[in-house]
Amino acid sequence: MDGRPEPTHAAYSKVCIPHIRGKIESGRLKIAGFFDDVAVTSIPQDEVERIDPQRFSFFNVNTQDDLDRANQHANEC
């Protein structure tokens, strides 16, 4: 989204495991750090926004306020 990958919003093949393991073992812990080593298929942002115009599926819950907001949204659905 906004020109950056959303690595926690993905499905990964078992083929990725050795690449992920290699990054972890070398101390490079950025989730998207192995993307250059594997085939990546991206979903265009306009397609995501057609299904989720408010981008709520990308909402992070890190605080009690975030959780309250997420619960409020869930109750409205």
PDB file of N, CA and C in Angstrom:
ATOM      1  N   MET A   1       0.844  -1.176   0.000  1.00  0.00           N
ATOM      2  CA  MET A   1       0.000   0.000   0.000  1.00  0.00           C
ATOM      3  C   MET A   1       0.888   1.237   0.000  1.00  0.00           C
ATOM      4  N   ASP A   2       0.468   2.219  -0.716  1.00  0.00           N
ATOM      5  CA  ASP A   2       1.225   3.469  -0.818  1.00  0.00           C
ATOM      6  C   ASP A   2       2.670   3.220  -1.248  1.00  0.00           C
ATOM      7  N   GLY A   3       2.852   2.264  -2.173  1.00  0.00           N
ATOM      8  CA  GLY A   3       4.174   1.993  -2.715  1.00  0.00           C
ATOM      9  C   GLY A   3       5.041   1.060  -1.891  1.00  0.00           C
ATOM     10  N   ARG A   4       4.516   0.570  -0.785  1.00  0.00           N
ATOM     11  CA  ARG A   4       5.292  -0.344   0.069  1.00  0.00           C
ATOM     12  C   ARG A   4       4.556  -1.679   0.179  1.00  0.00           C
ATOM     13  N   PRO A   5       5.304  -2.776   0.271  1.00  0.00           N
ATOM     14  CA  PRO A   5       4.628  -4.066   0.459  1.00  0.00           C
ATOM     15  C   PRO A   5       4.028  -4.160   1.863  1.00  0.00           C
ATOM     16  N   GLU A   6       2.996  -4.960   1.986  1.00  0.00           N
ATOM     17  CA  GLU A   6       2.383  -5.245   3.287  1.00  0.00           C
ATOM     18  C   GLU A   6       2.684  -6.713   3.599  1.00  0.00           C
ATOM     19  N   PRO A   7       3.864  -7.003   4.143  1.00  0.00           N
ATOM     20  CA  PRO A   7       4.298  -8.390   4.294  1.00  0.00           C
ATOM     21  C   PRO A   7       3.495  -9.220   5.284  1.00  0.00           C
ATOM     22  N   THR A   8       2.759  -8.593   6.182  1.00  0.00           N
ATOM     23  CA  THR A   8       1.941  -9.387   7.096  1.00  0.00           C
ATOM     24  C   THR A   8       0.567  -9.672   6.505  1.00  0.00           C
ATOM     25  N   HIS A   9       0.296  -9.139   5.339  1.00  0.00           N
ATOM     26  CA  HIS A   9      -0.965  -9.331   4.624  1.00  0.00           C
ATOM     27  C   HIS A   9      -0.651 -10.188   3.411  1.00  0.00           C
ATOM     28  N   ALA A  10      -0.226 -11.433   3.643  1.00  0.00           N
ATOM     29  CA  ALA A  10       0.303 -12.233   2.547  1.00  0.00           C
ATOM     30  C   ALA A  10       0.133 -13.722   2.807  1.00  0.00           C
ATOM     31  N   ALA A  11       0.316 -14.486   1.763  1.00  0.00           N
ATOM     32  CA  ALA A  11       0.392 -15.940   1.850  1.00  0.00           C
ATOM     33  C   ALA A  11       1.781 -16.325   1.352  1.00  0.00           C
ATOM     34  N   TYR A  12       2.450 -17.190   2.089  1.00  0.00           N
ATOM     35  CA  TYR A  12       3.815 -17.572   1.754  1.00  0.00           C
ATOM     36  C   TYR A  12       3.900 -19.061   1.455  1.00  0.00           C
ATOM     37  N   SER A  13       4.637 -19.392   0.417  1.00  0.00           N
ATOM     38  CA  SER A  13       4.902 -20.776   0.055  1.00  0.00           C
ATOM     39  C   SER A  13       6.022 -21.335   0.934  1.00  0.00           C
ATOM     40  N   LYS A  14       6.054 -22.661   1.057  1.00  0.00           N
ATOM     41  CA  LYS A  14       7.152 -23.303   1.795  1.00  0.00           C
ATOM     42  C   LYS A  14       8.503 -23.011   1.145  1.00  0.00           C
ATOM     43  N   VAL A  15       8.501 -22.639  -0.119  1.00  0.00           N
ATOM     44  CA  VAL A  15       9.733 -22.296  -0.828  1.00  0.00           C
ATOM     45  C   VAL A  15      10.442 -21.123  -0.145  1.00  0.00           C
ATOM     46  N   CYS A  16       9.688 -20.293   0.563  1.00  0.00           N
ATOM     47  CA  CYS A  16      10.252 -19.116   1.232  1.00  0.00           C
ATOM     48  C   CYS A  16      11.051 -19.463   2.487  1.00  0.00           C
ATOM     49  N   ILE A  17      10.802 -20.629   3.073  1.00  0.00           N
ATOM     50  CA  ILE A  17      11.404 -20.961   4.369  1.00  0.00           C
ATOM     51  C   ILE A  17      12.920 -20.834   4.381  1.00  0.00           C
ATOM     52  N   PRO A  18      13.652 -21.433   3.438  1.00  0.00           N
ATOM     53  CA  PRO A  18      15.113 -21.297   3.507  1.00  0.00           C
ATOM     54  C   PRO A  18      15.588 -19.853   3.365  1.00  0.00           C
ATOM     55  N   HIS A  19      14.874 -19.064   2.596  1.00  0.00           N
ATOM     56  CA  HIS A  19      15.238 -17.658   2.419  1.00  0.00           C
ATOM     57  C   HIS A  19      14.994 -16.875   3.708  1.00  0.00           C
ATOM     58  N   ILE A  20      13.876 -17.148   4.349  1.00  0.00           N
ATOM     59  CA  ILE A  20      13.575 -16.490   5.627  1.00  0.00           C
ATOM     60  C   ILE A  20      14.586 -16.923   6.681  1.00  0.00           C
ATOM     61  N   ARG A  21      14.854 -18.220   6.750  1.00  0.00           N
ATOM     62  CA  ARG A  21      15.817 -18.746   7.725  1.00  0.00           C
ATOM     63  C   ARG A  21      17.191 -18.097   7.525  1.00  0.00           C
ATOM     64  N   GLY A  22      17.616 -17.979   6.277  1.00  0.00           N
ATOM     65  CA  GLY A  22      18.911 -17.361   5.989  1.00  0.00           C
ATOM     66  C   GLY A  22      18.979 -15.926   6.472  1.00  0.00           C
ATOM     67  N   LYS A  23      17.911 -15.177   6.273  1.00  0.00           N
ATOM     68  CA  LYS A  23      17.886 -13.780   6.741  1.00  0.00           C
ATOM     69  C   LYS A  23      17.943 -13.726   8.263  1.00  0.00           C
ATOM     70  N   ILE A  24      17.182 -14.586   8.931  1.00  0.00           N
ATOM     71  CA  ILE A  24      17.190 -14.610  10.396  1.00  0.00           C
ATOM     72  C   ILE A  24      18.578 -14.956  10.917  1.00  0.00           C
ATOM     73  N   GLU A  25      19.187 -15.984  10.344  1.00  0.00           N
ATOM     74  CA  GLU A  25      20.511 -16.418  10.803  1.00  0.00           C
ATOM     75  C   GLU A  25      21.578 -15.354  10.588  1.00  0.00           C
ATOM     76  N   SER A  26      21.392 -14.493   9.595  1.00  0.00           N
ATOM     77  CA  SER A  26      22.372 -13.431   9.349  1.00  0.00           C
ATOM     78  C   SER A  26      22.009 -12.136  10.071  1.00  0.00           C
ATOM     79  N   GLY A  27      20.934 -12.180  10.883  1.00  0.00           N
ATOM     80  CA  GLY A  27      20.554 -11.013  11.675  1.00  0.00           C
ATOM     81  C   GLY A  27      19.752  -9.969  10.926  1.00  0.00           C
ATOM     82  N   ARG A  28      19.357 -10.275   9.703  1.00  0.00           N
ATOM     83  CA  ARG A  28      18.536  -9.334   8.924  1.00  0.00           C
ATOM     84  C   ARG A  28      17.067  -9.715   9.118  1.00  0.00           C
ATOM     85  N   LEU A  29      16.395  -8.974   9.994  1.00  0.00           N
ATOM     86  CA  LEU A  29      15.077  -9.383  10.461  1.00  0.00           C
ATOM     87  C   LEU A  29      13.903  -8.654   9.815  1.00  0.00           C
ATOM     88  N   LYS A  30      14.158  -7.772   8.876  1.00  0.00           N
ATOM     89  CA  LYS A  30      13.062  -7.083   8.185  1.00  0.00           C
ATOM     90  C   LYS A  30      12.239  -8.124   7.415  1.00  0.00           C
ATOM     91  N   ILE A  31      10.940  -8.147   7.659  1.00  0.00           N
ATOM     92  CA  ILE A  31      10.091  -9.178   7.057  1.00  0.00           C
ATOM     93  C   ILE A  31      10.223  -9.206   5.536  1.00  0.00           C
ATOM     94  N   ALA A  32      10.220  -8.064   4.906  1.00  0.00           N
ATOM     95  CA  ALA A  32      10.281  -8.014   3.442  1.00  0.00           C
ATOM     96  C   ALA A  32      11.695  -8.219   2.916  1.00  0.00           C
ATOM     97  N   GLY A  33      12.648  -8.492   3.780  1.00  0.00           N
ATOM     98  CA  GLY A  33      14.043  -8.607   3.384  1.00  0.00           C
ATOM     99  C   GLY A  33      14.355  -9.738   2.427  1.00  0.00           C
ATOM    100  N   PHE A  34      13.520 -10.740   2.356  1.00  0.00           N
ATOM    101  CA  PHE A  34      13.786 -11.861   1.459  1.00  0.00           C
ATOM    102  C   PHE A  34      13.003 -11.768   0.149  1.00  0.00           C
ATOM    103  N   PHE A  35      12.210 -10.728  -0.031  1.00  0.00           N
ATOM    104  CA  PHE A  35      11.364 -10.620  -1.224  1.00  0.00           C
ATOM    105  C   PHE A  35      12.171 -10.628  -2.523  1.00  0.00           C
ATOM    106  N   ASP A  36      13.374 -10.086  -2.496  1.00  0.00           N
ATOM    107  CA  ASP A  36      14.194 -10.078  -3.714  1.00  0.00           C
ATOM    108  C   ASP A  36      14.669 -11.481  -4.088  1.00  0.00           C
ATOM    109  N   ASP A  37      14.575 -12.427  -3.150  1.00  0.00           N
ATOM    110  CA  ASP A  37      15.068 -13.786  -3.377  1.00  0.00           C
ATOM    111  C   ASP A  37      13.988 -14.749  -3.869  1.00  0.00           C
ATOM    112  N   VAL A  38      12.740 -14.323  -3.885  1.00  0.00           N
ATOM    113  CA  VAL A  38      11.626 -15.204  -4.252  1.00  0.00           C
ATOM    114  C   VAL A  38      10.688 -14.486  -5.225  1.00  0.00           C
ATOM    115  N   ALA A  39       9.806 -15.255  -5.838  1.00  0.00           N
ATOM    116  CA  ALA A  39       8.788 -14.666  -6.718  1.00  0.00           C
ATOM    117  C   ALA A  39       7.692 -14.053  -5.850  1.00  0.00           C
ATOM    118  N   VAL A  40       7.367 -12.801  -6.105  1.00  0.00           N
ATOM    119  CA  VAL A  40       6.339 -12.090  -5.346  1.00  0.00           C
ATOM    120  C   VAL A  40       5.258 -11.625  -6.316  1.00  0.00           C
ATOM    121  N   THR A  41       4.021 -11.899  -5.977  1.00  0.00           N
ATOM    122  CA  THR A  41       2.880 -11.410  -6.744  1.00  0.00           C
ATOM    123  C   THR A  41       2.148 -10.403  -5.875  1.00  0.00           C
ATOM    124  N   SER A  42       1.998  -9.202  -6.371  1.00  0.00           N
ATOM    125  CA  SER A  42       1.335  -8.142  -5.613  1.00  0.00           C
ATOM    126  C   SER A  42      -0.076  -7.917  -6.136  1.00  0.00           C
ATOM    127  N   ILE A  43      -0.952  -7.513  -5.245  1.00  0.00           N
ATOM    128  CA  ILE A  43      -2.311  -7.130  -5.620  1.00  0.00           C
ATOM    129  C   ILE A  43      -2.313  -5.616  -5.769  1.00  0.00           C
ATOM    130  N   PRO A  44      -2.769  -5.100  -6.903  1.00  0.00           N
ATOM    131  CA  PRO A  44      -2.764  -3.648  -7.107  1.00  0.00           C
ATOM    132  C   PRO A  44      -3.581  -2.919  -6.031  1.00  0.00           C
ATOM    133  N   GLN A  45      -3.088  -1.771  -5.621  1.00  0.00           N
ATOM    134  CA  GLN A  45      -3.726  -1.001  -4.562  1.00  0.00           C
ATOM    135  C   GLN A  45      -5.174  -0.668  -4.898  1.00  0.00           C
ATOM    136  N   ASP A  46      -5.453  -0.333  -6.155  1.00  0.00           N
ATOM    137  CA  ASP A  46      -6.834   0.018  -6.501  1.00  0.00           C
ATOM    138  C   ASP A  46      -7.778  -1.164  -6.325  1.00  0.00           C
ATOM    139  N   GLU A  47      -7.275  -2.376  -6.518  1.00  0.00           N
ATOM    140  CA  GLU A  47      -8.108  -3.559  -6.303  1.00  0.00           C
ATOM    141  C   GLU A  47      -8.380  -3.765  -4.810  1.00  0.00           C
ATOM    142  N   VAL A  48      -7.370  -3.564  -3.986  1.00  0.00           N
ATOM    143  CA  VAL A  48      -7.549  -3.664  -2.536  1.00  0.00           C
ATOM    144  C   VAL A  48      -8.558  -2.621  -2.075  1.00  0.00           C
ATOM    145  N   GLU A  49      -8.407  -1.397  -2.551  1.00  0.00           N
ATOM    146  CA  GLU A  49      -9.294  -0.311  -2.127  1.00  0.00           C
ATOM    147  C   GLU A  49     -10.725  -0.492  -2.631  1.00  0.00           C
ATOM    148  N   ARG A  50     -10.894  -1.221  -3.722  1.00  0.00           N
ATOM    149  CA  ARG A  50     -12.247  -1.518  -4.207  1.00  0.00           C
ATOM    150  C   ARG A  50     -12.971  -2.411  -3.200  1.00  0.00           C
ATOM    151  N   ILE A  51     -12.251  -3.339  -2.604  1.00  0.00           N
ATOM    152  CA  ILE A  51     -12.827  -4.268  -1.628  1.00  0.00           C
ATOM    153  C   ILE A  51     -12.843  -3.666  -0.227  1.00  0.00           C
ATOM    154  N   ASP A  52     -11.811  -2.905   0.099  1.00  0.00           N
ATOM    155  CA  ASP A  52     -11.644  -2.346   1.452  1.00  0.00           C
ATOM    156  C   ASP A  52     -11.287  -0.864   1.342  1.00  0.00           C
ATOM    157  N   PRO A  53     -12.251  -0.010   0.965  1.00  0.00           N
ATOM    158  CA  PRO A  53     -11.938   1.404   0.721  1.00  0.00           C
ATOM    159  C   PRO A  53     -11.389   2.142   1.938  1.00  0.00           C
ATOM    160  N   GLN A  54     -11.728   1.708   3.128  1.00  0.00           N
ATOM    161  CA  GLN A  54     -11.208   2.357   4.334  1.00  0.00           C
ATOM    162  C   GLN A  54      -9.889   1.738   4.794  1.00  0.00           C
ATOM    163  N   ARG A  55      -9.438   0.694   4.091  1.00  0.00           N
ATOM    164  CA  ARG A  55      -8.195  -0.019   4.422  1.00  0.00           C
ATOM    165  C   ARG A  55      -8.215  -0.566   5.853  1.00  0.00           C
ATOM    166  N   PHE A  56      -9.384  -0.917   6.333  1.00  0.00           N
ATOM    167  CA  PHE A  56      -9.459  -1.390   7.708  1.00  0.00           C
ATOM    168  C   PHE A  56      -8.772  -2.738   7.888  1.00  0.00           C
ATOM    169  N   SER A  57      -8.646  -3.508   6.825  1.00  0.00           N
ATOM    170  CA  SER A  57      -7.958  -4.797   6.943  1.00  0.00           C
ATOM    171  C   SER A  57      -6.472  -4.624   7.242  1.00  0.00           C
ATOM    172  N   PHE A  58      -5.959  -3.411   7.099  1.00  0.00           N
ATOM    173  CA  PHE A  58      -4.562  -3.127   7.404  1.00  0.00           C
ATOM    174  C   PHE A  58      -4.392  -2.445   8.756  1.00  0.00           C
ATOM    175  N   PHE A  59      -5.463  -2.303   9.505  1.00  0.00           N
ATOM    176  CA  PHE A  59      -5.435  -1.595  10.789  1.00  0.00           C
ATOM    177  C   PHE A  59      -4.630  -2.387  11.811  1.00  0.00           C
ATOM    178  N   ASN A  60      -3.693  -1.733  12.472  1.00  0.00           N
ATOM    179  CA  ASN A  60      -2.878  -2.361  13.513  1.00  0.00           C
ATOM    180  C   ASN A  60      -3.516  -2.159  14.876  1.00  0.00           C
ATOM    181  N   VAL A  61      -3.485  -3.181  15.692  1.00  0.00           N
ATOM    182  CA  VAL A  61      -3.982  -3.090  17.066  1.00  0.00           C
ATOM    183  C   VAL A  61      -2.775  -3.187  17.991  1.00  0.00           C
ATOM    184  N   ASN A  62      -2.356  -2.022  18.500  1.00  0.00           N
ATOM    185  CA  ASN A  62      -1.188  -1.959  19.378  1.00  0.00           C
ATOM    186  C   ASN A  62      -1.520  -1.425  20.764  1.00  0.00           C
ATOM    187  N   THR A  63      -2.645  -0.762  20.905  1.00  0.00           N
ATOM    188  CA  THR A  63      -3.006  -0.140  22.180  1.00  0.00           C
ATOM    189  C   THR A  63      -4.458  -0.478  22.517  1.00  0.00           C
ATOM    190  N   GLN A  64      -4.843  -0.176  23.739  1.00  0.00           N
ATOM    191  CA  GLN A  64      -6.236  -0.385  24.136  1.00  0.00           C
ATOM    192  C   GLN A  64      -7.172   0.460  23.275  1.00  0.00           C
ATOM    193  N   ASP A  65      -6.766   1.690  22.966  1.00  0.00           N
ATOM    194  CA  ASP A  65      -7.585   2.540  22.093  1.00  0.00           C
ATOM    195  C   ASP A  65      -7.768   1.906  20.716  1.00  0.00           C
ATOM    196  N   ASP A  66      -6.687   1.324  20.180  1.00  0.00           N
ATOM    197  CA  ASP A  66      -6.781   0.636  18.892  1.00  0.00           C
ATOM    198  C   ASP A  66      -7.767  -0.528  18.982  1.00  0.00           C
ATOM    199  N   LEU A  67      -7.675  -1.291  20.061  1.00  0.00           N
ATOM    200  CA  LEU A  67      -8.572  -2.430  20.240  1.00  0.00           C
ATOM    201  C   LEU A  67     -10.020  -1.964  20.345  1.00  0.00           C
ATOM    202  N   ASP A  68     -10.247  -0.893  21.082  1.00  0.00           N
ATOM    203  CA  ASP A  68     -11.599  -0.344  21.198  1.00  0.00           C
ATOM    204  C   ASP A  68     -12.135   0.069  19.830  1.00  0.00           C
ATOM    205  N   ARG A  69     -11.288   0.715  19.039  1.00  0.00           N
ATOM    206  CA  ARG A  69     -11.707   1.144  17.696  1.00  0.00           C
ATOM    207  C   ARG A  69     -12.004  -0.065  16.809  1.00  0.00           C
ATOM    208  N   ALA A  70     -11.165  -1.096  16.894  1.00  0.00           N
ATOM    209  CA  ALA A  70     -11.388  -2.307  16.102  1.00  0.00           C
ATOM    210  C   ALA A  70     -12.691  -2.988  16.513  1.00  0.00           C
ATOM    211  N   ASN A  71     -12.950  -3.067  17.810  1.00  0.00           N
ATOM    212  CA  ASN A  71     -14.202  -3.664  18.281  1.00  0.00           C
ATOM    213  C   ASN A  71     -15.407  -2.857  17.824  1.00  0.00           C
ATOM    214  N   GLN A  72     -15.293  -1.544  17.859  1.00  0.00           N
ATOM    215  CA  GLN A  72     -16.383  -0.684  17.404  1.00  0.00           C
ATOM    216  C   GLN A  72     -16.667  -0.941  15.927  1.00  0.00           C
ATOM    217  N   HIS A  73     -15.603  -1.015  15.137  1.00  0.00           N
ATOM    218  CA  HIS A  73     -15.778  -1.279  13.706  1.00  0.00           C
ATOM    219  C   HIS A  73     -16.420  -2.651  13.489  1.00  0.00           C
ATOM    220  N   ALA A  74     -15.969  -3.658  14.227  1.00  0.00           N
ATOM    221  CA  ALA A  74     -16.520  -5.008  14.080  1.00  0.00           C
ATOM    222  C   ALA A  74     -18.006  -5.031  14.426  1.00  0.00           C
ATOM    223  N   ASN A  75     -18.393  -4.296  15.431  1.00  0.00           N
ATOM    224  CA  ASN A  75     -19.804  -4.250  15.824  1.00  0.00           C
ATOM    225  C   ASN A  75     -20.669  -3.540  14.794  1.00  0.00           C
ATOM    226  N   GLU A  76     -20.059  -2.649  14.004  1.00  0.00           N
ATOM    227  CA  GLU A  76     -20.795  -1.914  12.972  1.00  0.00           C
ATOM    228  C   GLU A  76     -20.963  -2.722  11.691  1.00  0.00           C
ATOM    229  N   CYS A  77     -20.178  -3.770  11.539  1.00  0.00           N
ATOM    230  CA  CYS A  77     -20.227  -4.581  10.304  1.00  0.00           C
ATOM    231  C   CYS A  77     -21.403  -5.529  10.298  1.00  0.00           C
TER     232      CYS A  77
END
